[in-house]
């Protein structure tokens, strides 16, 4: 597992998600641990290194 820190698109607090490096491309929804709003995260790994990470609001 890989812990990636980023800024929540709702409350702007720094939070982190645990990402599975064994899955090369993944998109999933997880709630912000601070404001509880849902965040869609997309991650891509190359050779178990994070190559791309993006988050977006789900319009709650």
PDB file of N, CA and C in Angstrom:
ATOM      1  N   UNK A   1       0.842  -1.187   0.000  1.00  0.00           N
ATOM      2  CA  UNK A   1       0.000   0.000   0.000  1.00  0.00           C
ATOM      3  C   UNK A   1       0.890   1.255   0.000  1.00  0.00           C
ATOM      4  N   UNK A   2       0.344   2.291  -0.610  1.00  0.00           N
ATOM      5  CA  UNK A   2       1.065   3.556  -0.753  1.00  0.00           C
ATOM      6  C   UNK A   2       0.164   4.659  -0.199  1.00  0.00           C
ATOM      7  N   UNK A   3       0.654   5.452   0.754  1.00  0.00           N
ATOM      8  CA  UNK A   3      -0.130   6.556   1.298  1.00  0.00           C
ATOM      9  C   UNK A   3       0.204   7.820   0.529  1.00  0.00           C
ATOM     10  N   UNK A   4      -0.835   8.402  -0.085  1.00  0.00           N
ATOM     11  CA  UNK A   4      -0.650   9.611  -0.881  1.00  0.00           C
ATOM     12  C   UNK A   4      -1.390  10.774  -0.212  1.00  0.00           C
ATOM     13  N   UNK A   5      -0.673  11.854   0.056  1.00  0.00           N
ATOM     14  CA  UNK A   5      -1.240  13.050   0.677  1.00  0.00           C
ATOM     15  C   UNK A   5      -1.633  14.051  -0.406  1.00  0.00           C
ATOM     16  N   UNK A   6      -2.784  14.710  -0.207  1.00  0.00           N
ATOM     17  CA  UNK A   6      -3.269  15.700  -1.169  1.00  0.00           C
ATOM     18  C   UNK A   6      -4.251  16.622  -0.457  1.00  0.00           C
ATOM     19  N   UNK A   7      -4.713  17.646  -1.156  1.00  0.00           N
ATOM     20  CA  UNK A   7      -5.645  18.625  -0.606  1.00  0.00           C
ATOM     21  C   UNK A   7      -7.071  18.265  -1.007  1.00  0.00           C
ATOM     22  N   UNK A   8      -7.978  18.218  -0.032  1.00  0.00           N
ATOM     23  CA  UNK A   8      -9.386  17.928  -0.305  1.00  0.00           C
ATOM     24  C   UNK A   8      -9.971  19.026  -1.191  1.00  0.00           C
ATOM     25  N   UNK A   9     -10.697  18.658  -2.257  1.00  0.00           N
ATOM     26  CA  UNK A   9     -11.272  19.675  -3.139  1.00  0.00           C
ATOM     27  C   UNK A   9     -12.461  20.421  -2.528  1.00  0.00           C
ATOM     28  N   UNK A  10     -12.942  19.976  -1.381  1.00  0.00           N
ATOM     29  CA  UNK A  10     -14.057  20.651  -0.705  1.00  0.00           C
ATOM     30  C   UNK A  10     -13.567  21.591   0.402  1.00  0.00           C
ATOM     31  N   UNK A  11     -12.831  21.035   1.365  1.00  0.00           N
ATOM     32  CA  UNK A  11     -12.465  21.815   2.557  1.00  0.00           C
ATOM     33  C   UNK A  11     -11.015  22.304   2.529  1.00  0.00           C
ATOM     34  N   UNK A  12     -10.246  21.879   1.549  1.00  0.00           N
ATOM     35  CA  UNK A  12      -8.857  22.281   1.322  1.00  0.00           C
ATOM     36  C   UNK A  12      -7.888  21.803   2.408  1.00  0.00           C
ATOM     37  N   UNK A  13      -8.322  20.905   3.268  1.00  0.00           N
ATOM     38  CA  UNK A  13      -7.422  20.331   4.272  1.00  0.00           C
ATOM     39  C   UNK A  13      -6.548  19.262   3.623  1.00  0.00           C
ATOM     40  N   UNK A  14      -5.352  19.080   4.147  1.00  0.00           N
ATOM     41  CA  UNK A  14      -4.493  18.011   3.643  1.00  0.00           C
ATOM     42  C   UNK A  14      -4.948  16.687   4.253  1.00  0.00           C
ATOM     43  N   UNK A  15      -5.223  15.716   3.387  1.00  0.00           N
ATOM     44  CA  UNK A  15      -5.640  14.391   3.811  1.00  0.00           C
ATOM     45  C   UNK A  15      -4.833  13.368   3.022  1.00  0.00           C
ATOM     46  N   UNK A  16      -5.078  12.092   3.303  1.00  0.00           N
ATOM     47  CA  UNK A  16      -4.374  11.058   2.552  1.00  0.00           C
ATOM     48  C   UNK A  16      -5.298   9.892   2.254  1.00  0.00           C
ATOM     49  N   UNK A  17      -5.017   9.199   1.179  1.00  0.00           N
ATOM     50  CA  UNK A  17      -5.687   7.951   0.819  1.00  0.00           C
ATOM     51  C   UNK A  17      -4.607   6.879   0.725  1.00  0.00           C
ATOM     52  N   UNK A  18      -4.980   5.653   1.058  1.00  0.00           N
ATOM     53  CA  UNK A  18      -4.101   4.515   0.844  1.00  0.00           C
ATOM     54  C   UNK A  18      -4.409   3.927  -0.527  1.00  0.00           C
ATOM     55  N   UNK A  19      -3.385   3.795  -1.345  1.00  0.00           N
ATOM     56  CA  UNK A  19      -3.540   3.292  -2.707  1.00  0.00           C
ATOM     57  C   UNK A  19      -2.849   1.938  -2.830  1.00  0.00           C
ATOM     58  N   UNK A  20      -3.461   1.042  -3.573  1.00  0.00           N
ATOM     59  CA  UNK A  20      -2.921  -0.293  -3.786  1.00  0.00           C
ATOM     60  C   UNK A  20      -1.992  -0.274  -4.993  1.00  0.00           C
ATOM     61  N   UNK A  21      -0.685  -0.408  -4.774  1.00  0.00           N
ATOM     62  CA  UNK A  21       0.287  -0.317  -5.861  1.00  0.00           C
ATOM     63  C   UNK A  21       0.240  -1.525  -6.797  1.00  0.00           C
ATOM     64  N   UNK A  22      -0.447  -2.585  -6.397  1.00  0.00           N
ATOM     65  CA  UNK A  22      -0.531  -3.771  -7.262  1.00  0.00           C
ATOM     66  C   UNK A  22      -1.588  -3.615  -8.360  1.00  0.00           C
ATOM     67  N   UNK A  23      -2.402  -2.559  -8.295  1.00  0.00           N
ATOM     68  CA  UNK A  23      -3.419  -2.277  -9.318  1.00  0.00           C
ATOM     69  C   UNK A  23      -2.909  -1.082 -10.121  1.00  0.00           C
ATOM     70  N   UNK A  24      -2.602  -1.289 -11.394  1.00  0.00           N
ATOM     71  CA  UNK A  24      -1.947  -0.241 -12.178  1.00  0.00           C
ATOM     72  C   UNK A  24      -2.826   0.974 -12.453  1.00  0.00           C
ATOM     73  N   UNK A  25      -4.144   0.773 -12.637  1.00  0.00           N
ATOM     74  CA  UNK A  25      -5.075   1.891 -12.831  1.00  0.00           C
ATOM     75  C   UNK A  25      -6.281   1.668 -11.937  1.00  0.00           C
ATOM     76  N   UNK A  26      -6.653   2.698 -11.190  1.00  0.00           N
ATOM     77  CA  UNK A  26      -7.784   2.560 -10.277  1.00  0.00           C
ATOM     78  C   UNK A  26      -8.542   3.868 -10.144  1.00  0.00           C
ATOM     79  N   UNK A  27      -9.853   3.756 -10.033  1.00  0.00           N
ATOM     80  CA  UNK A  27     -10.731   4.893  -9.759  1.00  0.00           C
ATOM     81  C   UNK A  27     -11.721   4.438  -8.705  1.00  0.00           C
ATOM     82  N   UNK A  28     -11.847   5.218  -7.655  1.00  0.00           N
ATOM     83  CA  UNK A  28     -12.760   4.846  -6.592  1.00  0.00           C
ATOM     84  C   UNK A  28     -13.234   6.092  -5.857  1.00  0.00           C
ATOM     85  N   UNK A  29     -14.243   5.924  -5.004  1.00  0.00           N
ATOM     86  CA  UNK A  29     -14.814   7.024  -4.223  1.00  0.00           C
ATOM     87  C   UNK A  29     -14.545   6.761  -2.755  1.00  0.00           C
ATOM     88  N   UNK A  30     -14.055   7.793  -2.079  1.00  0.00           N
ATOM     89  CA  UNK A  30     -13.807   7.721  -0.642  1.00  0.00           C
ATOM     90  C   UNK A  30     -14.169   9.070  -0.040  1.00  0.00           C
ATOM     91  N   UNK A  31     -14.673   9.062   1.182  1.00  0.00           N
ATOM     92  CA  UNK A  31     -15.041  10.305   1.860  1.00  0.00           C
ATOM     93  C   UNK A  31     -13.823  10.978   2.468  1.00  0.00           C
ATOM     94  N   UNK A  32     -13.833  12.312   2.454  1.00  0.00           N
ATOM     95  CA  UNK A  32     -12.792  13.092   3.124  1.00  0.00           C
ATOM     96  C   UNK A  32     -12.890  12.805   4.625  1.00  0.00           C
ATOM     97  N   UNK A  33     -11.746  12.573   5.256  1.00  0.00           N
ATOM     98  CA  UNK A  33     -11.741  12.282   6.688  1.00  0.00           C
ATOM     99  C   UNK A  33     -12.020  13.517   7.543  1.00  0.00           C
ATOM    100  N   UNK A  34     -11.986  14.718   6.952  1.00  0.00           N
ATOM    101  CA  UNK A  34     -12.241  15.957   7.687  1.00  0.00           C
ATOM    102  C   UNK A  34     -13.687  16.422   7.499  1.00  0.00           C
ATOM    103  N   UNK A  35     -14.124  16.592   6.241  1.00  0.00           N
ATOM    104  CA  UNK A  35     -15.451  17.166   5.981  1.00  0.00           C
ATOM    105  C   UNK A  35     -16.492  16.129   5.550  1.00  0.00           C
ATOM    106  N   UNK A  36     -16.076  14.896   5.346  1.00  0.00           N
ATOM    107  CA  UNK A  36     -16.963  13.758   5.014  1.00  0.00           C
ATOM    108  C   UNK A  36     -17.604  13.826   3.627  1.00  0.00           C
ATOM    109  N   UNK A  37     -17.187  14.736   2.770  1.00  0.00           N
ATOM    110  CA  UNK A  37     -17.716  14.790   1.408  1.00  0.00           C
ATOM    111  C   UNK A  37     -17.048  13.723   0.544  1.00  0.00           C
ATOM    112  N   UNK A  38     -17.782  13.168  -0.444  1.00  0.00           N
ATOM    113  CA  UNK A  38     -17.215  12.120  -1.287  1.00  0.00           C
ATOM    114  C   UNK A  38     -16.257  12.684  -2.339  1.00  0.00           C
ATOM    115  N   UNK A  39     -15.137  11.989  -2.498  1.00  0.00           N
ATOM    116  CA  UNK A  39     -14.099  12.388  -3.445  1.00  0.00           C
ATOM    117  C   UNK A  39     -13.850  11.222  -4.387  1.00  0.00           C
ATOM    118  N   UNK A  40     -13.860  11.492  -5.691  1.00  0.00           N
ATOM    119  CA  UNK A  40     -13.494  10.473  -6.657  1.00  0.00           C
ATOM    120  C   UNK A  40     -11.991  10.589  -6.931  1.00  0.00           C
ATOM    121  N   UNK A  41     -11.267   9.521  -6.678  1.00  0.00           N
ATOM    122  CA  UNK A  41      -9.818   9.507  -6.865  1.00  0.00           C
ATOM    123  C   UNK A  41      -9.463   8.593  -8.030  1.00  0.00           C
ATOM    124  N   UNK A  42      -8.535   9.042  -8.857  1.00  0.00           N
ATOM    125  CA  UNK A  42      -8.004   8.239  -9.953  1.00  0.00           C
ATOM    126  C   UNK A  42      -6.490   8.187  -9.785  1.00  0.00           C
ATOM    127  N   UNK A  43      -5.953   6.973  -9.800  1.00  0.00           N
ATOM    128  CA  UNK A  43      -4.507   6.790  -9.643  1.00  0.00           C
ATOM    129  C   UNK A  43      -4.000   5.815 -10.696  1.00  0.00           C
ATOM    130  N   UNK A  44      -2.787   6.089 -11.168  1.00  0.00           N
ATOM    131  CA  UNK A  44      -2.120   5.188 -12.116  1.00  0.00           C
ATOM    132  C   UNK A  44      -0.700   4.959 -11.619  1.00  0.00           C
ATOM    133  N   UNK A  45      -0.289   3.700 -11.650  1.00  0.00           N
ATOM    134  CA  UNK A  45       1.045   3.312 -11.231  1.00  0.00           C
ATOM    135  C   UNK A  45       1.808   2.709 -12.402  1.00  0.00           C
ATOM    136  N   UNK A  46       3.096   3.037 -12.490  1.00  0.00           N
ATOM    137  CA  UNK A  46       4.029   2.412 -13.432  1.00  0.00           C
ATOM    138  C   UNK A  46       5.136   1.791 -12.599  1.00  0.00           C
ATOM    139  N   UNK A  47       5.308   0.474 -12.715  1.00  0.00           N
ATOM    140  CA  UNK A  47       6.337  -0.231 -11.939  1.00  0.00           C
ATOM    141  C   UNK A  47       6.214   0.059 -10.445  1.00  0.00           C
ATOM    142  N   UNK A  48       5.004   0.071  -9.960  1.00  0.00           N
ATOM    143  CA  UNK A  48       4.652   0.304  -8.560  1.00  0.00           C
ATOM    144  C   UNK A  48       5.052   1.685  -8.044  1.00  0.00           C
ATOM    145  N   UNK A  49       5.229   2.649  -8.960  1.00  0.00           N
ATOM    146  CA  UNK A  49       5.464   4.041  -8.590  1.00  0.00           C
ATOM    147  C   UNK A  49       4.294   4.868  -9.100  1.00  0.00           C
ATOM    148  N   UNK A  50       3.823   5.792  -8.282  1.00  0.00           N
ATOM    149  CA  UNK A  50       2.685   6.623  -8.648  1.00  0.00           C
ATOM    150  C   UNK A  50       3.054   7.522  -9.827  1.00  0.00           C
ATOM    151  N   UNK A  51       2.353   7.355 -10.948  1.00  0.00           N
ATOM    152  CA  UNK A  51       2.618   8.135 -12.157  1.00  0.00           C
ATOM    153  C   UNK A  51       1.584   9.244 -12.352  1.00  0.00           C
ATOM    154  N   UNK A  52       0.378   9.048 -11.812  1.00  0.00           N
ATOM    155  CA  UNK A  52      -0.706  10.022 -12.001  1.00  0.00           C
ATOM    156  C   UNK A  52      -1.657   9.900 -10.830  1.00  0.00           C
ATOM    157  N   UNK A  53      -2.131  11.045 -10.328  1.00  0.00           N
ATOM    158  CA  UNK A  53      -3.144  11.054  -9.276  1.00  0.00           C
ATOM    159  C   UNK A  53      -4.003  12.292  -9.456  1.00  0.00           C
ATOM    160  N   UNK A  54      -5.319  12.113  -9.411  1.00  0.00           N
ATOM    161  CA  UNK A  54      -6.236  13.234  -9.548  1.00  0.00           C
ATOM    162  C   UNK A  54      -7.468  12.960  -8.693  1.00  0.00           C
ATOM    163  N   UNK A  55      -8.038  14.019  -8.134  1.00  0.00           N
ATOM    164  CA  UNK A  55      -9.281  13.904  -7.383  1.00  0.00           C
ATOM    165  C   UNK A  55     -10.270  14.929  -7.902  1.00  0.00           C
ATOM    166  N   UNK A  56     -11.556  14.607  -7.747  1.00  0.00           N
ATOM    167  CA  UNK A  56     -12.587  15.568  -8.132  1.00  0.00           C
ATOM    168  C   UNK A  56     -13.784  15.437  -7.216  1.00  0.00           C
ATOM    169  N   UNK A  57     -14.512  16.534  -7.114  1.00  0.00           N
ATOM    170  CA  UNK A  57     -15.749  16.577  -6.318  1.00  0.00           C
ATOM    171  C   UNK A  57     -16.833  15.781  -7.038  1.00  0.00           C
ATOM    172  N   UNK A  58     -17.771  15.263  -6.262  1.00  0.00           N
ATOM    173  CA  UNK A  58     -18.899  14.550  -6.854  1.00  0.00           C
ATOM    174  C   UNK A  58     -20.196  15.350  -6.779  1.00  0.00           C
ATOM    175  N   UNK A  59     -20.095  16.647  -6.503  1.00  0.00           N
ATOM    176  CA  UNK A  59     -21.240  17.532  -6.569  1.00  0.00           C
ATOM    177  C   UNK A  59     -22.282  17.333  -5.488  1.00  0.00           C
ATOM    178  N   UNK A  60     -21.862  17.033  -4.297  1.00  0.00           N
ATOM    179  CA  UNK A  60     -22.784  16.827  -3.169  1.00  0.00           C
ATOM    180  C   UNK A  60     -23.282  18.137  -2.624  1.00  0.00           C
TER     181      UNK A  60
END
